[in-house]
Amino acid sequence: MEFAPYQDTTPEANRALSPPPRRSSSRSPHPRSPTSQNRAGPNPLSSATLPPPSHFSDEAQTSGGFGAGDVEGGRLNVNLFETSLPIRLDYEAMLAYLLLPPAGGVFLLVTEHKSDYVRFHAWQSSLLFAAIFVLHLIFAWSSVLSWILLVIDLGLIGFLTWRAYKDADMLDRFEVPFFGRLATSFVDSE
């Protein structure tokens, strides 16, 4: 029976058969090294009889170079949900706000190079919380204003983290009024 079109002989002709079992000995036989006649024979697994790996790929064969890739759009295969770090896109966008802002945003700007969605949230987090940090320094003399700013910080961190997670499936960007537009312009110019 021929199941694969690339086989020219039946598998049983090339398969090494097991030796017959010994019935006289109750112990298992000692392993022996292969004899020289077995080493000199042709290797059934040699690469000359197998087709190249590209034969088994599901992708369409292209000539490569510029313009190779997607047939419909003529664009390269780009996965918009792929990230540089081994973390899901939505979790990575959330980390921009959860990893001690603005330090988490700066960390993601340094490490993330593939996802514009994550880079947007990293820029927005860095810009927004750097400005709020400056406000903390300015109003450090008043404990009441410092506590109010802390509550605003925690509320912004929670809300922006939730929006980064929620909007990741459609890659929508929730922009904070001034810093969101600035973050978008930075990501678009990269």
N, C-alpha and C. Protein backbone atom coordinates (compact mmCIF):
# COMPACT_ATOMS: atom_id res chain seq x y z
N MET A 1 0.83 -1.17 0.00
CA MET A 1 0.00 0.00 0.00
C MET A 1 0.88 1.24 0.00
N GLU A 2 0.58 2.16 -0.86
CA GLU A 2 1.29 3.43 -0.95
C GLU A 2 0.41 4.52 -0.34
N PHE A 3 0.80 5.05 0.80
CA PHE A 3 0.02 6.11 1.42
C PHE A 3 0.61 7.48 1.12
N ALA A 4 1.89 7.57 0.93
CA ALA A 4 2.53 8.84 0.66
C ALA A 4 3.09 8.82 -0.76
N PRO A 5 2.90 9.89 -1.51
CA PRO A 5 3.35 9.89 -2.90
C PRO A 5 4.87 9.92 -3.05
N TYR A 6 5.61 10.25 -2.02
CA TYR A 6 7.06 10.35 -2.14
C TYR A 6 7.77 9.03 -1.86
N GLN A 7 7.07 7.99 -1.44
CA GLN A 7 7.70 6.71 -1.18
C GLN A 7 7.78 5.90 -2.47
N ASP A 8 8.97 5.45 -2.81
CA ASP A 8 9.10 4.65 -4.02
C ASP A 8 9.19 3.16 -3.73
N THR A 9 9.43 2.79 -2.50
CA THR A 9 9.44 1.38 -2.11
C THR A 9 8.60 1.21 -0.85
N THR A 10 8.22 0.02 -0.58
CA THR A 10 7.44 -0.21 0.63
C THR A 10 8.33 -0.08 1.85
N PRO A 11 7.79 0.37 2.96
CA PRO A 11 8.60 0.55 4.16
C PRO A 11 9.20 -0.75 4.69
N GLU A 12 8.54 -1.88 4.47
CA GLU A 12 9.04 -3.14 4.99
C GLU A 12 10.36 -3.55 4.34
N ALA A 13 10.64 -3.10 3.13
CA ALA A 13 11.88 -3.48 2.45
C ALA A 13 13.09 -2.80 3.08
N ASN A 14 12.92 -1.61 3.65
CA ASN A 14 14.04 -0.88 4.22
C ASN A 14 14.12 -0.99 5.74
N ARG A 15 13.09 -1.52 6.36
CA ARG A 15 13.05 -1.57 7.81
C ARG A 15 13.94 -2.69 8.33
N ALA A 16 14.71 -2.39 9.38
CA ALA A 16 15.55 -3.41 10.01
C ALA A 16 14.66 -4.29 10.87
N LEU A 17 14.80 -5.59 10.71
CA LEU A 17 13.98 -6.52 11.47
C LEU A 17 14.66 -6.86 12.79
N SER A 18 13.88 -7.14 13.78
CA SER A 18 14.40 -7.52 15.09
C SER A 18 14.89 -8.96 15.03
N PRO A 19 15.94 -9.29 15.81
CA PRO A 19 16.39 -10.68 15.82
C PRO A 19 15.36 -11.56 16.53
N PRO A 20 15.30 -12.83 16.18
CA PRO A 20 14.34 -13.71 16.85
C PRO A 20 14.72 -13.88 18.32
N PRO A 21 13.74 -14.03 19.19
CA PRO A 21 14.03 -14.17 20.62
C PRO A 21 14.71 -15.51 20.93
N ARG A 22 15.60 -15.48 21.91
CA ARG A 22 16.27 -16.72 22.36
C ARG A 22 15.41 -17.38 23.41
N ARG A 23 15.24 -18.64 23.29
CA ARG A 23 14.40 -19.36 24.24
C ARG A 23 15.21 -20.15 25.25
N SER A 24 16.50 -20.36 24.98
CA SER A 24 17.29 -21.20 25.85
C SER A 24 17.76 -20.45 27.10
N SER A 25 17.93 -19.19 27.04
CA SER A 25 18.48 -18.42 28.16
C SER A 25 17.36 -17.71 28.89
N SER A 26 17.42 -17.70 30.23
CA SER A 26 16.41 -17.00 31.01
C SER A 26 16.79 -15.55 31.23
N ARG A 27 18.09 -15.22 31.06
CA ARG A 27 18.53 -13.84 31.23
C ARG A 27 18.49 -13.12 29.88
N SER A 28 18.42 -11.81 29.96
CA SER A 28 18.45 -11.06 28.71
C SER A 28 19.88 -11.04 28.18
N PRO A 29 20.05 -11.06 26.86
CA PRO A 29 21.40 -11.11 26.29
C PRO A 29 22.13 -9.79 26.51
N HIS A 30 23.47 -9.87 26.52
CA HIS A 30 24.30 -8.68 26.67
C HIS A 30 24.26 -7.89 25.37
N PRO A 31 24.26 -6.59 25.48
CA PRO A 31 24.25 -5.81 24.25
C PRO A 31 25.58 -5.96 23.51
N ARG A 32 25.48 -6.05 22.21
CA ARG A 32 26.67 -6.21 21.39
C ARG A 32 26.78 -5.04 20.43
N SER A 33 27.98 -4.74 20.03
CA SER A 33 28.17 -3.67 19.05
C SER A 33 27.79 -4.20 17.68
N PRO A 34 27.33 -3.35 16.79
CA PRO A 34 26.95 -3.81 15.46
C PRO A 34 28.15 -4.32 14.69
N THR A 35 27.89 -5.27 13.87
CA THR A 35 28.98 -5.85 13.08
C THR A 35 29.35 -4.91 11.94
N SER A 36 30.49 -5.15 11.34
CA SER A 36 30.98 -4.27 10.29
C SER A 36 30.13 -4.36 9.03
N GLN A 37 29.49 -5.49 8.77
CA GLN A 37 28.67 -5.60 7.58
C GLN A 37 27.42 -4.74 7.69
N ASN A 38 26.89 -4.54 8.92
CA ASN A 38 25.73 -3.67 9.09
C ASN A 38 26.11 -2.21 8.92
N ARG A 39 27.33 -1.84 9.30
CA ARG A 39 27.77 -0.46 9.18
C ARG A 39 28.02 -0.07 7.74
N ALA A 40 28.44 -1.01 6.92
CA ALA A 40 28.79 -0.70 5.54
C ALA A 40 27.58 -0.61 4.65
N GLY A 41 26.43 -1.11 5.06
CA GLY A 41 25.23 -1.11 4.23
C GLY A 41 24.68 0.30 4.05
N PRO A 42 23.79 0.46 3.09
CA PRO A 42 23.23 1.79 2.85
C PRO A 42 22.33 2.22 4.01
N ASN A 43 22.34 3.50 4.29
CA ASN A 43 21.54 4.06 5.37
C ASN A 43 20.14 4.39 4.82
N PRO A 44 19.11 3.73 5.31
CA PRO A 44 17.77 4.01 4.78
C PRO A 44 17.27 5.41 5.15
N LEU A 45 17.92 6.07 6.10
CA LEU A 45 17.49 7.39 6.51
C LEU A 45 18.34 8.49 5.89
N SER A 46 19.06 8.19 4.86
CA SER A 46 19.93 9.21 4.26
C SER A 46 19.07 10.31 3.65
N SER A 47 19.60 11.52 3.63
CA SER A 47 18.82 12.67 3.16
C SER A 47 18.65 12.66 1.65
N ALA A 48 19.38 11.82 0.93
CA ALA A 48 19.25 11.80 -0.52
C ALA A 48 17.89 11.22 -0.95
N THR A 49 17.29 10.36 -0.13
CA THR A 49 16.01 9.77 -0.49
C THR A 49 14.83 10.59 0.02
N LEU A 50 15.06 11.54 0.90
CA LEU A 50 13.97 12.33 1.46
C LEU A 50 13.81 13.64 0.70
N PRO A 51 12.61 14.13 0.58
CA PRO A 51 12.41 15.43 -0.07
C PRO A 51 12.87 16.56 0.87
N PRO A 52 13.10 17.75 0.35
CA PRO A 52 13.53 18.86 1.21
C PRO A 52 12.41 19.28 2.15
N PRO A 53 12.74 19.94 3.27
CA PRO A 53 11.71 20.34 4.24
C PRO A 53 10.66 21.28 3.65
N SER A 54 11.02 22.04 2.63
CA SER A 54 10.04 22.95 2.04
C SER A 54 8.91 22.19 1.35
N HIS A 55 9.14 20.93 1.03
CA HIS A 55 8.10 20.10 0.40
C HIS A 55 6.91 19.91 1.35
N PHE A 56 7.18 19.91 2.67
CA PHE A 56 6.14 19.63 3.66
C PHE A 56 5.49 20.89 4.20
N SER A 57 5.96 22.08 3.84
CA SER A 57 5.41 23.30 4.42
C SER A 57 4.05 23.61 3.80
N ASP A 58 3.21 24.25 4.60
CA ASP A 58 1.87 24.62 4.15
C ASP A 58 1.86 25.95 3.42
N GLU A 59 2.94 26.73 3.55
CA GLU A 59 2.98 28.06 2.94
C GLU A 59 3.21 27.95 1.45
N ALA A 60 2.71 28.91 0.73
CA ALA A 60 2.90 28.95 -0.71
C ALA A 60 4.37 29.24 -1.01
N GLN A 61 4.91 28.61 -2.02
CA GLN A 61 6.30 28.81 -2.38
C GLN A 61 6.43 30.14 -3.11
N THR A 62 7.29 31.01 -2.60
CA THR A 62 7.51 32.30 -3.23
C THR A 62 8.97 32.45 -3.54
N SER A 63 9.26 33.43 -4.34
CA SER A 63 10.65 33.63 -4.74
C SER A 63 11.44 34.34 -3.67
N GLY A 64 10.80 34.87 -2.65
CA GLY A 64 11.49 35.58 -1.59
C GLY A 64 11.69 37.03 -1.97
N GLY A 65 12.35 37.76 -1.10
CA GLY A 65 12.63 39.15 -1.39
C GLY A 65 11.45 40.03 -1.04
N PHE A 66 11.48 41.25 -1.52
CA PHE A 66 10.44 42.22 -1.19
C PHE A 66 9.13 41.84 -1.87
N GLY A 67 8.04 41.92 -1.12
CA GLY A 67 6.74 41.61 -1.67
C GLY A 67 6.33 40.17 -1.51
N ALA A 68 7.22 39.31 -1.00
CA ALA A 68 6.85 37.92 -0.80
C ALA A 68 6.02 37.81 0.45
N GLY A 69 5.04 36.98 0.46
CA GLY A 69 4.23 36.80 1.65
C GLY A 69 2.77 36.66 1.31
N ASP A 70 1.94 37.51 1.87
CA ASP A 70 0.50 37.42 1.75
C ASP A 70 0.07 37.59 0.29
N VAL A 71 -0.74 36.67 -0.20
CA VAL A 71 -1.18 36.71 -1.59
C VAL A 71 -2.20 37.81 -1.80
N GLU A 72 -3.12 37.99 -0.84
CA GLU A 72 -4.19 38.96 -1.03
C GLU A 72 -3.70 40.39 -1.01
N GLY A 73 -2.91 40.73 -0.03
CA GLY A 73 -2.50 42.12 0.11
C GLY A 73 -1.13 42.41 -0.44
N GLY A 74 -0.37 41.39 -0.79
CA GLY A 74 0.99 41.62 -1.27
C GLY A 74 1.90 42.13 -0.18
N ARG A 75 1.55 41.88 1.08
CA ARG A 75 2.36 42.37 2.18
C ARG A 75 3.02 41.21 2.90
N LEU A 76 4.00 41.51 3.69
CA LEU A 76 4.69 40.48 4.45
C LEU A 76 3.78 39.93 5.53
N ASN A 77 4.01 38.69 5.92
CA ASN A 77 3.22 38.09 6.99
C ASN A 77 3.62 38.73 8.31
N VAL A 78 2.72 39.53 8.87
CA VAL A 78 2.98 40.23 10.12
C VAL A 78 1.91 39.81 11.10
N ASN A 79 2.34 39.35 12.26
CA ASN A 79 1.40 38.98 13.31
C ASN A 79 1.29 40.16 14.26
N LEU A 80 0.14 40.82 14.28
CA LEU A 80 -0.04 42.00 15.11
C LEU A 80 -0.09 41.67 16.59
N PHE A 81 -0.30 40.41 16.94
CA PHE A 81 -0.40 40.02 18.34
C PHE A 81 0.90 39.40 18.85
N GLU A 82 1.97 39.47 18.08
CA GLU A 82 3.25 38.89 18.49
C GLU A 82 4.04 39.90 19.31
N THR A 83 4.70 39.42 20.35
CA THR A 83 5.50 40.28 21.21
C THR A 83 6.93 39.76 21.28
N SER A 84 7.83 40.63 21.73
CA SER A 84 9.23 40.22 21.88
C SER A 84 9.44 39.36 23.11
N LEU A 85 8.67 39.61 24.14
CA LEU A 85 8.78 38.84 25.38
C LEU A 85 7.84 37.64 25.30
N PRO A 86 8.13 36.57 26.03
CA PRO A 86 7.25 35.39 25.99
C PRO A 86 6.01 35.55 26.87
N ILE A 87 5.32 36.67 26.70
CA ILE A 87 4.12 36.97 27.49
C ILE A 87 3.01 37.33 26.51
N ARG A 88 1.77 37.02 26.87
CA ARG A 88 0.64 37.40 26.02
C ARG A 88 0.58 38.91 25.87
N LEU A 89 0.03 39.36 24.77
CA LEU A 89 -0.04 40.78 24.44
C LEU A 89 -0.81 41.57 25.49
N ASP A 90 -1.97 41.06 25.93
CA ASP A 90 -2.77 41.80 26.89
C ASP A 90 -2.08 41.90 28.25
N TYR A 91 -1.41 40.84 28.67
CA TYR A 91 -0.69 40.89 29.95
C TYR A 91 0.50 41.84 29.86
N GLU A 92 1.16 41.84 28.73
CA GLU A 92 2.32 42.72 28.57
C GLU A 92 1.90 44.18 28.56
N ALA A 93 0.76 44.50 27.94
CA ALA A 93 0.26 45.88 27.95
C ALA A 93 -0.15 46.29 29.36
N MET A 94 -0.69 45.36 30.11
CA MET A 94 -1.05 45.66 31.50
C MET A 94 0.18 45.94 32.34
N LEU A 95 1.28 45.25 32.05
CA LEU A 95 2.51 45.45 32.83
C LEU A 95 3.06 46.86 32.69
N ALA A 96 2.73 47.55 31.61
CA ALA A 96 3.18 48.93 31.44
C ALA A 96 2.67 49.80 32.58
N TYR A 97 1.50 49.47 33.12
CA TYR A 97 0.92 50.25 34.21
C TYR A 97 1.15 49.62 35.59
N LEU A 98 1.37 48.32 35.64
CA LEU A 98 1.47 47.64 36.93
C LEU A 98 2.90 47.57 37.48
N LEU A 99 3.91 47.65 36.62
CA LEU A 99 5.31 47.53 37.07
C LEU A 99 5.86 48.87 37.52
N LEU A 100 5.36 49.37 38.62
CA LEU A 100 5.83 50.63 39.21
C LEU A 100 5.98 51.74 38.17
N PRO A 101 4.86 52.27 37.70
CA PRO A 101 4.96 53.30 36.67
C PRO A 101 5.77 54.50 37.18
N PRO A 102 6.54 55.13 36.37
CA PRO A 102 6.81 54.98 34.95
C PRO A 102 7.94 53.99 34.63
N ALA A 103 8.49 53.31 35.64
CA ALA A 103 9.62 52.39 35.40
C ALA A 103 9.20 51.19 34.56
N GLY A 104 7.98 50.69 34.73
CA GLY A 104 7.50 49.57 33.94
C GLY A 104 7.38 49.92 32.47
N GLY A 105 6.92 51.15 32.20
CA GLY A 105 6.82 51.59 30.82
C GLY A 105 8.19 51.72 30.16
N VAL A 106 9.15 52.24 30.90
CA VAL A 106 10.51 52.37 30.37
C VAL A 106 11.11 50.99 30.12
N PHE A 107 10.88 50.05 31.03
CA PHE A 107 11.37 48.69 30.84
C PHE A 107 10.80 48.07 29.57
N LEU A 108 9.50 48.25 29.34
CA LEU A 108 8.88 47.68 28.14
C LEU A 108 9.34 48.41 26.87
N LEU A 109 9.63 49.69 26.97
CA LEU A 109 10.15 50.40 25.80
C LEU A 109 11.52 49.87 25.41
N VAL A 110 12.30 49.45 26.38
CA VAL A 110 13.63 48.91 26.10
C VAL A 110 13.54 47.48 25.56
N THR A 111 12.64 46.67 26.10
CA THR A 111 12.62 45.25 25.75
C THR A 111 11.66 44.89 24.62
N GLU A 112 10.57 45.62 24.46
CA GLU A 112 9.56 45.27 23.45
C GLU A 112 9.83 46.01 22.14
N HIS A 113 9.96 45.23 21.05
CA HIS A 113 10.25 45.83 19.75
C HIS A 113 9.23 45.44 18.69
N LYS A 114 8.39 44.46 18.93
CA LYS A 114 7.49 43.95 17.89
C LYS A 114 6.09 44.52 17.95
N SER A 115 5.56 44.78 19.12
CA SER A 115 4.15 45.15 19.27
C SER A 115 3.98 46.65 19.46
N ASP A 116 3.31 47.29 18.51
CA ASP A 116 3.01 48.72 18.64
C ASP A 116 1.98 48.97 19.75
N TYR A 117 1.11 48.00 19.97
CA TYR A 117 0.10 48.14 21.03
C TYR A 117 0.78 48.24 22.41
N VAL A 118 1.72 47.36 22.66
CA VAL A 118 2.42 47.38 23.94
C VAL A 118 3.29 48.63 24.03
N ARG A 119 3.94 48.99 22.95
CA ARG A 119 4.79 50.19 22.96
C ARG A 119 3.96 51.46 23.21
N PHE A 120 2.74 51.51 22.66
CA PHE A 120 1.86 52.66 22.94
C PHE A 120 1.58 52.77 24.43
N HIS A 121 1.19 51.65 25.04
CA HIS A 121 0.87 51.68 26.47
C HIS A 121 2.12 51.97 27.31
N ALA A 122 3.27 51.51 26.85
CA ALA A 122 4.51 51.82 27.57
C ALA A 122 4.82 53.32 27.48
N TRP A 123 4.66 53.90 26.31
CA TRP A 123 4.88 55.35 26.16
C TRP A 123 3.88 56.14 27.00
N GLN A 124 2.62 55.77 26.91
CA GLN A 124 1.59 56.50 27.66
C GLN A 124 1.83 56.41 29.16
N SER A 125 2.17 55.22 29.64
CA SER A 125 2.46 55.04 31.06
C SER A 125 3.67 55.86 31.48
N SER A 126 4.71 55.83 30.69
CA SER A 126 5.92 56.56 31.04
C SER A 126 5.68 58.06 31.09
N LEU A 127 5.00 58.59 30.08
CA LEU A 127 4.76 60.03 30.01
C LEU A 127 3.79 60.50 31.10
N LEU A 128 2.68 59.79 31.25
CA LEU A 128 1.66 60.19 32.21
C LEU A 128 2.18 60.13 33.64
N PHE A 129 2.81 59.01 34.01
CA PHE A 129 3.21 58.85 35.40
C PHE A 129 4.50 59.60 35.72
N ALA A 130 5.29 59.97 34.72
CA ALA A 130 6.42 60.87 34.96
C ALA A 130 5.90 62.26 35.30
N ALA A 131 4.85 62.69 34.60
CA ALA A 131 4.25 63.99 34.92
C ALA A 131 3.59 63.97 36.30
N ILE A 132 2.94 62.88 36.64
CA ILE A 132 2.32 62.79 37.97
C ILE A 132 3.40 62.74 39.05
N PHE A 133 4.53 62.11 38.76
CA PHE A 133 5.63 62.09 39.71
C PHE A 133 6.14 63.51 39.98
N VAL A 134 6.22 64.31 38.93
CA VAL A 134 6.63 65.71 39.10
C VAL A 134 5.60 66.45 39.97
N LEU A 135 4.31 66.18 39.75
CA LEU A 135 3.28 66.79 40.61
C LEU A 135 3.43 66.35 42.06
N HIS A 136 3.81 65.09 42.29
CA HIS A 136 4.06 64.62 43.66
C HIS A 136 5.20 65.41 44.28
N LEU A 137 6.24 65.66 43.52
CA LEU A 137 7.37 66.42 44.05
C LEU A 137 6.98 67.86 44.35
N ILE A 138 6.15 68.45 43.50
CA ILE A 138 5.73 69.84 43.72
C ILE A 138 4.83 69.96 44.95
N PHE A 139 3.90 69.01 45.12
CA PHE A 139 2.95 69.08 46.23
C PHE A 139 3.36 68.22 47.42
N ALA A 140 4.64 67.94 47.57
CA ALA A 140 5.12 67.12 48.68
C ALA A 140 4.97 67.84 50.02
N TRP A 141 4.86 69.14 50.01
CA TRP A 141 4.74 69.91 51.25
C TRP A 141 3.38 69.72 51.91
N SER A 142 2.37 69.29 51.15
CA SER A 142 1.03 69.11 51.70
C SER A 142 0.68 67.63 51.75
N SER A 143 0.42 67.15 52.95
CA SER A 143 0.08 65.72 53.07
C SER A 143 -1.29 65.42 52.48
N VAL A 144 -2.22 66.36 52.56
CA VAL A 144 -3.57 66.14 52.03
C VAL A 144 -3.51 66.02 50.51
N LEU A 145 -2.80 66.92 49.85
CA LEU A 145 -2.68 66.86 48.39
C LEU A 145 -1.90 65.62 47.94
N SER A 146 -0.92 65.21 48.73
CA SER A 146 -0.16 64.00 48.40
C SER A 146 -1.05 62.77 48.45
N TRP A 147 -1.95 62.70 49.47
CA TRP A 147 -2.85 61.57 49.56
C TRP A 147 -3.88 61.59 48.43
N ILE A 148 -4.34 62.76 48.06
CA ILE A 148 -5.29 62.87 46.95
C ILE A 148 -4.61 62.42 45.65
N LEU A 149 -3.37 62.84 45.43
CA LEU A 149 -2.63 62.41 44.24
C LEU A 149 -2.39 60.90 44.25
N LEU A 150 -2.15 60.33 45.44
CA LEU A 150 -1.95 58.88 45.52
C LEU A 150 -3.22 58.13 45.13
N VAL A 151 -4.37 58.62 45.58
CA VAL A 151 -5.65 57.99 45.22
C VAL A 151 -5.88 58.12 43.71
N ILE A 152 -5.55 59.28 43.14
CA ILE A 152 -5.68 59.47 41.69
C ILE A 152 -4.74 58.53 40.95
N ASP A 153 -3.50 58.38 41.46
CA ASP A 153 -2.53 57.45 40.87
C ASP A 153 -3.09 56.02 40.83
N LEU A 154 -3.57 55.56 41.97
CA LEU A 154 -4.09 54.19 42.04
C LEU A 154 -5.31 54.00 41.15
N GLY A 155 -6.17 55.01 41.11
CA GLY A 155 -7.33 54.94 40.22
C GLY A 155 -6.93 54.89 38.75
N LEU A 156 -5.96 55.72 38.36
CA LEU A 156 -5.48 55.70 36.97
C LEU A 156 -4.79 54.38 36.63
N ILE A 157 -4.00 53.87 37.56
CA ILE A 157 -3.33 52.58 37.31
C ILE A 157 -4.37 51.48 37.11
N GLY A 158 -5.37 51.43 37.97
CA GLY A 158 -6.41 50.41 37.84
C GLY A 158 -7.21 50.56 36.56
N PHE A 159 -7.64 51.78 36.25
CA PHE A 159 -8.47 52.00 35.06
C PHE A 159 -7.68 51.74 33.78
N LEU A 160 -6.45 52.25 33.68
CA LEU A 160 -5.66 52.07 32.46
C LEU A 160 -5.22 50.62 32.29
N THR A 161 -4.98 49.92 33.39
CA THR A 161 -4.66 48.49 33.31
C THR A 161 -5.85 47.71 32.77
N TRP A 162 -7.03 48.02 33.28
CA TRP A 162 -8.25 47.35 32.82
C TRP A 162 -8.50 47.62 31.35
N ARG A 163 -8.32 48.89 30.90
CA ARG A 163 -8.53 49.23 29.49
C ARG A 163 -7.49 48.57 28.59
N ALA A 164 -6.24 48.49 29.04
CA ALA A 164 -5.20 47.83 28.23
C ALA A 164 -5.53 46.35 28.05
N TYR A 165 -6.05 45.71 29.09
CA TYR A 165 -6.44 44.30 29.00
C TYR A 165 -7.68 44.13 28.13
N LYS A 166 -8.68 44.97 28.33
CA LYS A 166 -9.96 44.85 27.64
C LYS A 166 -9.83 45.14 26.15
N ASP A 167 -9.03 46.12 25.78
CA ASP A 167 -8.92 46.55 24.38
C ASP A 167 -7.90 45.76 23.58
N ALA A 168 -7.20 44.82 24.20
CA ALA A 168 -6.13 44.10 23.50
C ALA A 168 -6.66 43.18 22.40
N ASP A 169 -7.87 42.66 22.54
CA ASP A 169 -8.37 41.74 21.52
C ASP A 169 -8.65 42.43 20.19
N MET A 170 -8.94 43.72 20.19
CA MET A 170 -9.17 44.47 18.95
C MET A 170 -8.05 45.48 18.68
N LEU A 171 -7.05 45.53 19.55
CA LEU A 171 -5.92 46.46 19.44
C LEU A 171 -6.39 47.91 19.45
N ASP A 172 -7.49 48.19 20.17
CA ASP A 172 -7.93 49.57 20.36
C ASP A 172 -7.05 50.24 21.39
N ARG A 173 -6.83 51.52 21.21
CA ARG A 173 -5.98 52.26 22.14
C ARG A 173 -6.84 53.27 22.90
N PHE A 174 -6.82 53.18 24.22
CA PHE A 174 -7.48 54.20 25.03
C PHE A 174 -6.45 55.28 25.31
N GLU A 175 -6.72 56.48 24.82
CA GLU A 175 -5.76 57.57 24.95
C GLU A 175 -6.17 58.52 26.06
N VAL A 176 -5.25 58.76 26.98
CA VAL A 176 -5.41 59.80 27.98
C VAL A 176 -5.30 61.13 27.23
N PRO A 177 -6.08 62.18 27.58
CA PRO A 177 -6.18 63.37 26.74
C PRO A 177 -4.89 63.93 26.13
N PHE A 178 -3.91 64.31 26.86
CA PHE A 178 -2.72 64.90 26.24
C PHE A 178 -1.64 63.85 25.96
N PHE A 179 -1.40 63.00 26.93
CA PHE A 179 -0.30 62.04 26.83
C PHE A 179 -0.59 60.89 25.85
N GLY A 180 -1.86 60.57 25.64
CA GLY A 180 -2.22 59.52 24.68
C GLY A 180 -1.89 59.90 23.26
N ARG A 181 -2.22 61.15 22.88
CA ARG A 181 -1.88 61.61 21.53
C ARG A 181 -0.38 61.68 21.33
N LEU A 182 0.34 62.10 22.37
CA LEU A 182 1.80 62.17 22.30
C LEU A 182 2.40 60.77 22.17
N ALA A 183 1.85 59.81 22.91
CA ALA A 183 2.33 58.43 22.83
C ALA A 183 2.04 57.85 21.45
N THR A 184 0.87 58.15 20.88
CA THR A 184 0.55 57.67 19.54
C THR A 184 1.51 58.25 18.51
N SER A 185 1.83 59.52 18.64
CA SER A 185 2.77 60.11 17.67
C SER A 185 4.16 59.49 17.80
N PHE A 186 4.59 59.14 19.02
CA PHE A 186 5.88 58.50 19.20
C PHE A 186 5.90 57.11 18.56
N VAL A 187 4.83 56.34 18.77
CA VAL A 187 4.76 54.99 18.22
C VAL A 187 4.68 55.05 16.70
N ASP A 188 3.91 55.99 16.16
CA ASP A 188 3.76 56.09 14.70
C ASP A 188 5.05 56.53 14.03
N SER A 189 5.86 57.31 14.73
CA SER A 189 7.11 57.77 14.11
C SER A 189 8.24 56.75 14.22
N GLU A 190 8.08 55.68 14.97
CA GLU A 190 9.13 54.68 15.14
C GLU A 190 9.26 53.81 13.91
